[in-house]
Amino acid sequence: MIRSDLLDQLPVRSALPGLRTALDDHGVAVLVAPPGTGKTTLVPLALAGLLEEGPARRVVVAEPRRIAARAAARRMAWLLGEKPGESVGYTVRGERVVGRHTRVEVVTTGVLVQRLQRDQELAGVDVVVLDECHERHLDADTAAAFLWDVRQTLRPELRLVAASATTDAQGWARLLGGAPVVEARGTAYPVEVVWAPPVRPVRPPHGMRVDPALPAHVASVVRRALDEREGDVLCFLPGV
């Protein structure tokens, strides 16, 4: 059973008509949506026609990391009241969870590049969403270049969406041949800043080496937040 009550609350829903129009008219679009608006979970479902709106399409969503690919697929499947591998699946290195009726497949950008090398036409795929496109790394840039070339030479009907919470929208619009930019507005909430320094100095991460004091301190602060506040905790650890 589709969890329509949750899907209807996602702010990106208001941007869907504009996104559909942009793709119908141009075949490409840049979607800018702040964190928490639902761009990663609602947009692919809508483009695949899984929300009882629009034609049925097969959508491939490219995420920069394996953990993000798995999490996005599981969340979308949960919103549909299903398990991964039914309408929504995922493929990462060493793991593939898809079925005969899968219409949204979440992959890592590395998997997408390998797939493009084997099958340049991406046969059977109608839409490709490059999520978190501001994370400029070799696989993502290579995938974007391949996809643009495929559209120009082999499959002009292939639809491309570059999506990110924070990105150079105009830069991506130029890269995609003057693609229209569609923006979704987020919901602002009051923020309280609480300073919680570690008891002793923590050495900054270096390569794969992380000072054990860092995760210990993070865990301590998370436990404190859960004790002192209601709700959940979203923890960002950039560079770790």
C-alpha atoms as a PDB file:
ATOM      1  CA  MET A   1       0.000   0.000   0.000  1.00  0.00           C
ATOM      2  CA  ILE A   2       1.431   3.355  -1.060  1.00  0.00           C
ATOM      3  CA  ARG A   3       2.090   5.655   1.888  1.00  0.00           C
ATOM      4  CA  SER A   4       0.411   8.616   0.213  1.00  0.00           C
ATOM      5  CA  ASP A   5       0.178  10.594   3.451  1.00  0.00           C
ATOM      6  CA  LEU A   6       3.977  10.760   3.676  1.00  0.00           C
ATOM      7  CA  LEU A   7       4.540  11.324  -0.037  1.00  0.00           C
ATOM      8  CA  ASP A   8       2.074  14.206  -0.089  1.00  0.00           C
ATOM      9  CA  GLN A   9       4.077  15.991   2.621  1.00  0.00           C
ATOM     10  CA  LEU A  10       7.303  16.102   0.606  1.00  0.00           C
ATOM     11  CA  PRO A  11       7.938  19.661  -0.647  1.00  0.00           C
ATOM     12  CA  VAL A  12       9.386  18.488  -3.979  1.00  0.00           C
ATOM     13  CA  ARG A  13       5.904  17.372  -5.039  1.00  0.00           C
ATOM     14  CA  SER A  14       5.123  20.976  -6.004  1.00  0.00           C
ATOM     15  CA  ALA A  15       8.014  20.884  -8.498  1.00  0.00           C
ATOM     16  CA  LEU A  16       6.870  17.711 -10.273  1.00  0.00           C
ATOM     17  CA  PRO A  17       4.617  19.435 -12.858  1.00  0.00           C
ATOM     18  CA  GLY A  18       7.469  21.733 -13.869  1.00  0.00           C
ATOM     19  CA  LEU A  19       9.901  18.824 -14.038  1.00  0.00           C
ATOM     20  CA  ARG A  20       7.553  16.782 -16.217  1.00  0.00           C
ATOM     21  CA  THR A  21       7.025  19.740 -18.541  1.00  0.00           C
ATOM     22  CA  ALA A  22      10.775  20.329 -18.822  1.00  0.00           C
ATOM     23  CA  LEU A  23      11.396  16.689 -19.707  1.00  0.00           C
ATOM     24  CA  ASP A  24       8.510  16.586 -22.182  1.00  0.00           C
ATOM     25  CA  ASP A  25       9.753  19.723 -23.939  1.00  0.00           C
ATOM     26  CA  HIS A  26      13.535  19.318 -23.718  1.00  0.00           C
ATOM     27  CA  GLY A  27      14.320  15.769 -22.583  1.00  0.00           C
ATOM     28  CA  VAL A  28      16.745  17.106 -19.960  1.00  0.00           C
ATOM     29  CA  ALA A  29      16.359  19.081 -16.750  1.00  0.00           C
ATOM     30  CA  VAL A  30      18.292  20.267 -13.729  1.00  0.00           C
ATOM     31  CA  LEU A  31      16.444  19.778 -10.445  1.00  0.00           C
ATOM     32  CA  VAL A  32      17.552  21.839  -7.456  1.00  0.00           C
ATOM     33  CA  ALA A  33      15.948  20.811  -4.177  1.00  0.00           C
ATOM     34  CA  PRO A  34      17.167  21.370  -0.600  1.00  0.00           C
ATOM     35  CA  PRO A  35      17.809  18.387   1.695  1.00  0.00           C
ATOM     36  CA  GLY A  36      14.689  16.705   2.998  1.00  0.00           C
ATOM     37  CA  THR A  37      12.410  17.763   0.151  1.00  0.00           C
ATOM     38  CA  GLY A  38      12.132  14.255  -1.324  1.00  0.00           C
ATOM     39  CA  LYS A  39      14.120  14.642  -4.527  1.00  0.00           C
ATOM     40  CA  THR A  40      15.859  11.285  -4.064  1.00  0.00           C
ATOM     41  CA  THR A  41      12.753   9.289  -3.155  1.00  0.00           C
ATOM     42  CA  LEU A  42       9.671  10.951  -4.630  1.00  0.00           C
ATOM     43  CA  VAL A  43      11.005  12.108  -8.008  1.00  0.00           C
ATOM     44  CA  PRO A  44      12.092   8.669  -9.328  1.00  0.00           C
ATOM     45  CA  LEU A  45       8.776   7.116  -8.276  1.00  0.00           C
ATOM     46  CA  ALA A  46       6.846   9.865 -10.031  1.00  0.00           C
ATOM     47  CA  LEU A  47       8.928   9.647 -13.214  1.00  0.00           C
ATOM     48  CA  ALA A  48       8.431   5.868 -13.281  1.00  0.00           C
ATOM     49  CA  GLY A  49       4.659   6.259 -13.057  1.00  0.00           C
ATOM     50  CA  LEU A  50       4.501   4.372  -9.770  1.00  0.00           C
ATOM     51  CA  LEU A  51       2.331   6.994  -8.070  1.00  0.00           C
ATOM     52  CA  GLU A  52      -0.625   6.512 -10.406  1.00  0.00           C
ATOM     53  CA  GLU A  53       0.471   9.565 -12.393  1.00  0.00           C
ATOM     54  CA  GLY A  54       1.962   9.499 -15.869  1.00  0.00           C
ATOM     55  CA  PRO A  55       3.054   6.620 -18.111  1.00  0.00           C
ATOM     56  CA  ALA A  56       5.027   3.630 -16.895  1.00  0.00           C
ATOM     57  CA  ARG A  57       8.752   4.150 -17.428  1.00  0.00           C
ATOM     58  CA  ARG A  58      11.967   2.474 -16.347  1.00  0.00           C
ATOM     59  CA  VAL A  59      14.148   4.823 -14.317  1.00  0.00           C
ATOM     60  CA  VAL A  60      17.785   4.414 -13.321  1.00  0.00           C
ATOM     61  CA  VAL A  61      18.982   6.553 -10.409  1.00  0.00           C
ATOM     62  CA  ALA A  62      22.738   7.015  -9.964  1.00  0.00           C
ATOM     63  CA  GLU A  63      24.052   7.649  -6.449  1.00  0.00           C
ATOM     64  CA  PRO A  64      27.685   8.421  -5.593  1.00  0.00           C
ATOM     65  CA  ARG A  65      28.000   5.772  -2.853  1.00  0.00           C
ATOM     66  CA  ARG A  66      26.797   2.237  -2.192  1.00  0.00           C
ATOM     67  CA  ILE A  67      25.254   3.068   1.167  1.00  0.00           C
ATOM     68  CA  ALA A  68      23.238   5.877  -0.432  1.00  0.00           C
ATOM     69  CA  ALA A  69      22.058   3.602  -3.251  1.00  0.00           C
ATOM     70  CA  ARG A  70      20.841   0.921  -0.857  1.00  0.00           C
ATOM     71  CA  ALA A  71      19.199   3.431   1.477  1.00  0.00           C
ATOM     72  CA  ALA A  72      17.376   5.238  -1.334  1.00  0.00           C
ATOM     73  CA  ALA A  73      16.026   1.999  -2.807  1.00  0.00           C
ATOM     74  CA  ARG A  74      14.880   0.702   0.569  1.00  0.00           C
ATOM     75  CA  ARG A  75      13.164   3.978   1.381  1.00  0.00           C
ATOM     76  CA  MET A  76      11.330   4.100  -1.952  1.00  0.00           C
ATOM     77  CA  ALA A  77      10.247   0.479  -1.611  1.00  0.00           C
ATOM     78  CA  TRP A  78       8.985   1.197   1.911  1.00  0.00           C
ATOM     79  CA  LEU A  79       7.004   4.198   0.672  1.00  0.00           C
ATOM     80  CA  LEU A  80       5.315   1.890  -1.834  1.00  0.00           C
ATOM     81  CA  GLY A  81       4.605  -0.694   0.855  1.00  0.00           C
ATOM     82  CA  GLU A  82       6.958  -3.178  -0.799  1.00  0.00           C
ATOM     83  CA  LYS A  83      10.346  -4.796  -0.323  1.00  0.00           C
ATOM     84  CA  PRO A  84      13.450  -3.981  -2.387  1.00  0.00           C
ATOM     85  CA  GLY A  85      13.502  -6.026  -5.560  1.00  0.00           C
ATOM     86  CA  GLU A  86       9.857  -5.492  -6.442  1.00  0.00           C
ATOM     87  CA  SER A  87       8.966  -2.153  -8.074  1.00  0.00           C
ATOM     88  CA  VAL A  88      12.194  -0.632  -6.750  1.00  0.00           C
ATOM     89  CA  GLY A  89      15.580  -2.339  -6.640  1.00  0.00           C
ATOM     90  CA  TYR A  90      19.260  -1.541  -6.486  1.00  0.00           C
ATOM     91  CA  THR A  91      22.587  -2.650  -7.896  1.00  0.00           C
ATOM     92  CA  VAL A  92      25.938  -1.982  -6.271  1.00  0.00           C
ATOM     93  CA  ARG A  93      29.267  -3.712  -6.622  1.00  0.00           C
ATOM     94  CA  GLY A  94      28.809  -7.329  -5.575  1.00  0.00           C
ATOM     95  CA  GLU A  95      25.072  -7.040  -4.890  1.00  0.00           C
ATOM     96  CA  ARG A  96      22.035  -6.881  -7.164  1.00  0.00           C
ATOM     97  CA  VAL A  97      18.475  -6.759  -5.829  1.00  0.00           C
ATOM     98  CA  VAL A  98      16.073  -6.364  -8.751  1.00  0.00           C
ATOM     99  CA  GLY A  99      13.119  -8.309 -10.098  1.00  0.00           C
ATOM    100  CA  ARG A 100      11.169  -8.834 -13.293  1.00  0.00           C
ATOM    101  CA  HIS A 101       8.833  -5.958 -12.475  1.00  0.00           C
ATOM    102  CA  THR A 102      11.416  -3.466 -11.195  1.00  0.00           C
ATOM    103  CA  ARG A 103      10.810  -0.005 -12.655  1.00  0.00           C
ATOM    104  CA  VAL A 104      13.200   2.057 -10.522  1.00  0.00           C
ATOM    105  CA  GLU A 105      16.753   0.776 -10.151  1.00  0.00           C
ATOM    106  CA  VAL A 106      19.203   2.652  -7.944  1.00  0.00           C
ATOM    107  CA  VAL A 107      22.851   2.121  -8.854  1.00  0.00           C
ATOM    108  CA  THR A 108      26.187   3.641  -7.986  1.00  0.00           C
ATOM    109  CA  THR A 109      27.760   5.897 -10.582  1.00  0.00           C
ATOM    110  CA  GLY A 110      30.524   3.312 -10.989  1.00  0.00           C
ATOM    111  CA  VAL A 111      27.979   0.634 -11.900  1.00  0.00           C
ATOM    112  CA  LEU A 112      26.312   3.050 -14.329  1.00  0.00           C
ATOM    113  CA  VAL A 113      29.622   3.766 -16.083  1.00  0.00           C
ATOM    114  CA  GLN A 114      30.311   0.032 -16.445  1.00  0.00           C
ATOM    115  CA  ARG A 115      26.821  -0.503 -17.819  1.00  0.00           C
ATOM    116  CA  LEU A 116      27.284   2.290 -20.354  1.00  0.00           C
ATOM    117  CA  GLN A 117      30.536   0.706 -21.486  1.00  0.00           C
ATOM    118  CA  ARG A 118      28.744  -2.601 -22.109  1.00  0.00           C
ATOM    119  CA  ASP A 119      25.502  -1.180 -23.511  1.00  0.00           C
ATOM    120  CA  GLN A 120      25.847   2.369 -24.771  1.00  0.00           C
ATOM    121  CA  GLU A 121      22.171   2.616 -25.669  1.00  0.00           C
ATOM    122  CA  LEU A 122      20.966   1.659 -22.164  1.00  0.00           C
ATOM    123  CA  ALA A 123      18.291  -0.448 -23.793  1.00  0.00           C
ATOM    124  CA  GLY A 124      15.033  -0.482 -21.871  1.00  0.00           C
ATOM    125  CA  VAL A 125      15.861   2.591 -19.780  1.00  0.00           C
ATOM    126  CA  ASP A 126      13.656   5.653 -20.246  1.00  0.00           C
ATOM    127  CA  VAL A 127      15.026   8.089 -17.651  1.00  0.00           C
ATOM    128  CA  VAL A 128      18.370   8.489 -15.885  1.00  0.00           C
ATOM    129  CA  VAL A 129      18.593  10.593 -12.726  1.00  0.00           C
ATOM    130  CA  LEU A 130      22.068  11.721 -11.668  1.00  0.00           C
ATOM    131  CA  ASP A 131      21.542  12.382  -7.979  1.00  0.00           C
ATOM    132  CA  GLU A 132      23.884  14.488  -5.843  1.00  0.00           C
ATOM    133  CA  CYS A 133      25.484  15.725  -9.046  1.00  0.00           C
ATOM    134  CA  HIS A 134      27.459  18.375  -7.168  1.00  0.00           C
ATOM    135  CA  GLU A 135      29.775  15.611  -5.908  1.00  0.00           C
ATOM    136  CA  ARG A 136      32.300  15.957  -8.686  1.00  0.00           C
ATOM    137  CA  HIS A 137      34.329  12.778  -9.025  1.00  0.00           C
ATOM    138  CA  LEU A 138      35.585  10.748 -11.962  1.00  0.00           C
ATOM    139  CA  ASP A 139      32.714   8.247 -12.173  1.00  0.00           C
ATOM    140  CA  ALA A 140      30.034  10.938 -11.975  1.00  0.00           C
ATOM    141  CA  ASP A 141      31.668  13.166 -14.586  1.00  0.00           C
ATOM    142  CA  THR A 142      32.279  10.175 -16.869  1.00  0.00           C
ATOM    143  CA  ALA A 143      28.668   9.014 -16.535  1.00  0.00           C
ATOM    144  CA  ALA A 144      27.374  12.506 -17.335  1.00  0.00           C
ATOM    145  CA  ALA A 145      29.599  12.746 -20.417  1.00  0.00           C
ATOM    146  CA  PHE A 146      28.581   9.278 -21.639  1.00  0.00           C
ATOM    147  CA  LEU A 147      24.884   9.976 -21.125  1.00  0.00           C
ATOM    148  CA  TRP A 148      25.020  13.270 -22.978  1.00  0.00           C
ATOM    149  CA  ASP A 149      26.815  11.568 -25.855  1.00  0.00           C
ATOM    150  CA  VAL A 150      24.207   8.780 -25.908  1.00  0.00           C
ATOM    151  CA  ARG A 151      21.415  11.361 -26.129  1.00  0.00           C
ATOM    152  CA  GLN A 152      23.141  13.216 -28.927  1.00  0.00           C
ATOM    153  CA  THR A 153      24.055  10.220 -31.065  1.00  0.00           C
ATOM    154  CA  LEU A 154      22.039   7.112 -30.214  1.00  0.00           C
ATOM    155  CA  ARG A 155      18.970   7.827 -28.107  1.00  0.00           C
ATOM    156  CA  PRO A 156      17.599  11.355 -28.288  1.00  0.00           C
ATOM    157  CA  GLU A 157      14.490  10.151 -26.438  1.00  0.00           C
ATOM    158  CA  LEU A 158      16.500   9.208 -23.329  1.00  0.00           C
ATOM    159  CA  ARG A 159      15.584  11.623 -20.547  1.00  0.00           C
ATOM    160  CA  LEU A 160      18.233  12.992 -18.195  1.00  0.00           C
ATOM    161  CA  VAL A 161      17.789  14.698 -14.839  1.00  0.00           C
ATOM    162  CA  ALA A 162      20.683  16.218 -12.898  1.00  0.00           C
ATOM    163  CA  ALA A 163      19.519  16.552  -9.301  1.00  0.00           C
ATOM    164  CA  SER A 164      21.178  17.982  -6.233  1.00  0.00           C
ATOM    165  CA  ALA A 165      20.484  19.783  -3.000  1.00  0.00           C
ATOM    166  CA  THR A 166      23.283  22.279  -3.613  1.00  0.00           C
ATOM    167  CA  THR A 167      24.693  22.586  -7.088  1.00  0.00           C
ATOM    168  CA  ASP A 168      25.818  24.964  -9.772  1.00  0.00           C
ATOM    169  CA  ALA A 169      22.458  24.813 -11.506  1.00  0.00           C
ATOM    170  CA  GLN A 170      23.380  27.089 -14.387  1.00  0.00           C
ATOM    171  CA  GLY A 171      26.629  25.222 -14.936  1.00  0.00           C
ATOM    172  CA  TRP A 172      24.801  21.917 -15.272  1.00  0.00           C
ATOM    173  CA  ALA A 173      22.157  23.565 -17.434  1.00  0.00           C
ATOM    174  CA  ARG A 174      24.870  24.688 -19.861  1.00  0.00           C
ATOM    175  CA  LEU A 175      26.497  21.246 -19.744  1.00  0.00           C
ATOM    176  CA  LEU A 176      23.179  19.662 -20.707  1.00  0.00           C
ATOM    177  CA  GLY A 177      22.667  21.920 -23.696  1.00  0.00           C
ATOM    178  CA  GLY A 178      20.635  24.660 -22.063  1.00  0.00           C
ATOM    179  CA  ALA A 179      18.469  22.417 -19.897  1.00  0.00           C
ATOM    180  CA  PRO A 180      15.709  24.150 -17.930  1.00  0.00           C
ATOM    181  CA  VAL A 181      16.261  24.502 -14.187  1.00  0.00           C
ATOM    182  CA  VAL A 182      13.442  23.377 -11.900  1.00  0.00           C
ATOM    183  CA  GLU A 183      13.606  24.415  -8.256  1.00  0.00           C
ATOM    184  CA  ALA A 184      11.808  23.014  -5.236  1.00  0.00           C
ATOM    185  CA  ARG A 185      11.614  25.021  -2.056  1.00  0.00           C
ATOM    186  CA  GLY A 186      12.275  23.375   1.265  1.00  0.00           C
ATOM    187  CA  THR A 187      10.679  23.928   4.642  1.00  0.00           C
ATOM    188  CA  ALA A 188      12.696  25.958   7.139  1.00  0.00           C
ATOM    189  CA  TYR A 189      12.767  25.020  10.811  1.00  0.00           C
ATOM    190  CA  PRO A 190      14.296  26.820  13.796  1.00  0.00           C
ATOM    191  CA  VAL A 191      17.833  25.701  14.602  1.00  0.00           C
ATOM    192  CA  GLU A 192      19.451  25.701  18.026  1.00  0.00           C
ATOM    193  CA  VAL A 193      23.242  25.500  18.125  1.00  0.00           C
ATOM    194  CA  VAL A 194      24.712  23.539  21.039  1.00  0.00           C
ATOM    195  CA  TRP A 195      28.489  23.583  21.492  1.00  0.00           C
ATOM    196  CA  ALA A 196      29.752  20.153  22.556  1.00  0.00           C
ATOM    197  CA  PRO A 197      33.556  19.997  22.245  1.00  0.00           C
ATOM    198  CA  PRO A 198      35.462  16.788  23.028  1.00  0.00           C
ATOM    199  CA  VAL A 199      37.161  16.394  26.374  1.00  0.00           C
ATOM    200  CA  ARG A 200      40.566  16.204  24.702  1.00  0.00           C
ATOM    201  CA  PRO A 201      41.773  17.320  21.261  1.00  0.00           C
ATOM    202  CA  VAL A 202      40.909  14.946  18.429  1.00  0.00           C
ATOM    203  CA  ARG A 203      43.344  14.389  15.593  1.00  0.00           C
ATOM    204  CA  PRO A 204      41.776  15.142  12.191  1.00  0.00           C
ATOM    205  CA  PRO A 205      41.160  12.169   9.861  1.00  0.00           C
ATOM    206  CA  HIS A 206      44.030  11.347   7.543  1.00  0.00           C
ATOM    207  CA  GLY A 207      43.257   9.056   4.633  1.00  0.00           C
ATOM    208  CA  MET A 208      41.644   5.942   6.098  1.00  0.00           C
ATOM    209  CA  ARG A 209      42.975   6.624   9.594  1.00  0.00           C
ATOM    210  CA  VAL A 210      40.527   8.083  12.103  1.00  0.00           C
ATOM    211  CA  ASP A 211      41.336   8.941  15.702  1.00  0.00           C
ATOM    212  CA  PRO A 212      39.227   6.504  17.822  1.00  0.00           C
ATOM    213  CA  ALA A 213      38.337   9.452  20.024  1.00  0.00           C
ATOM    214  CA  LEU A 214      36.288  10.960  17.177  1.00  0.00           C
ATOM    215  CA  PRO A 215      33.603   8.246  16.779  1.00  0.00           C
ATOM    216  CA  ALA A 216      33.519   7.856  20.561  1.00  0.00           C
ATOM    217  CA  HIS A 217      32.812  11.566  20.977  1.00  0.00           C
ATOM    218  CA  VAL A 218      30.217  11.541  18.193  1.00  0.00           C
ATOM    219  CA  ALA A 219      28.431   8.615  19.852  1.00  0.00           C
ATOM    220  CA  SER A 220      28.478  10.470  23.166  1.00  0.00           C
ATOM    221  CA  VAL A 221      26.954  13.605  21.636  1.00  0.00           C
ATOM    222  CA  VAL A 222      24.279  11.573  19.823  1.00  0.00           C
ATOM    223  CA  ARG A 223      23.317   9.830  23.072  1.00  0.00           C
ATOM    224  CA  ARG A 224      23.111  13.230  24.754  1.00  0.00           C
ATOM    225  CA  ALA A 225      20.890  14.591  21.981  1.00  0.00           C
ATOM    226  CA  LEU A 226      18.557  11.602  22.225  1.00  0.00           C
ATOM    227  CA  ASP A 227      18.340  12.007  25.993  1.00  0.00           C
ATOM    228  CA  GLU A 228      17.699  15.757  25.903  1.00  0.00           C
ATOM    229  CA  ARG A 229      15.456  16.050  22.826  1.00  0.00           C
ATOM    230  CA  GLU A 230      12.515  14.244  21.270  1.00  0.00           C
ATOM    231  CA  GLY A 231      12.718  12.787  17.776  1.00  0.00           C
ATOM    232  CA  ASP A 232      15.533  11.371  15.678  1.00  0.00           C
ATOM    233  CA  VAL A 233      19.130  12.400  15.008  1.00  0.00           C
ATOM    234  CA  LEU A 234      20.725  12.985  11.606  1.00  0.00           C
ATOM    235  CA  CYS A 235      24.504  12.971  11.949  1.00  0.00           C
ATOM    236  CA  PHE A 236      26.875  14.386   9.307  1.00  0.00           C
ATOM    237  CA  LEU A 237      30.538  13.338   9.369  1.00  0.00           C
ATOM    238  CA  PRO A 238      32.141  15.076   6.377  1.00  0.00           C
ATOM    239  CA  GLY A 239      35.544  13.760   5.464  1.00  0.00           C
ATOM    240  CA  VAL A 240      35.356  10.707   7.724  1.00  0.00           C
END
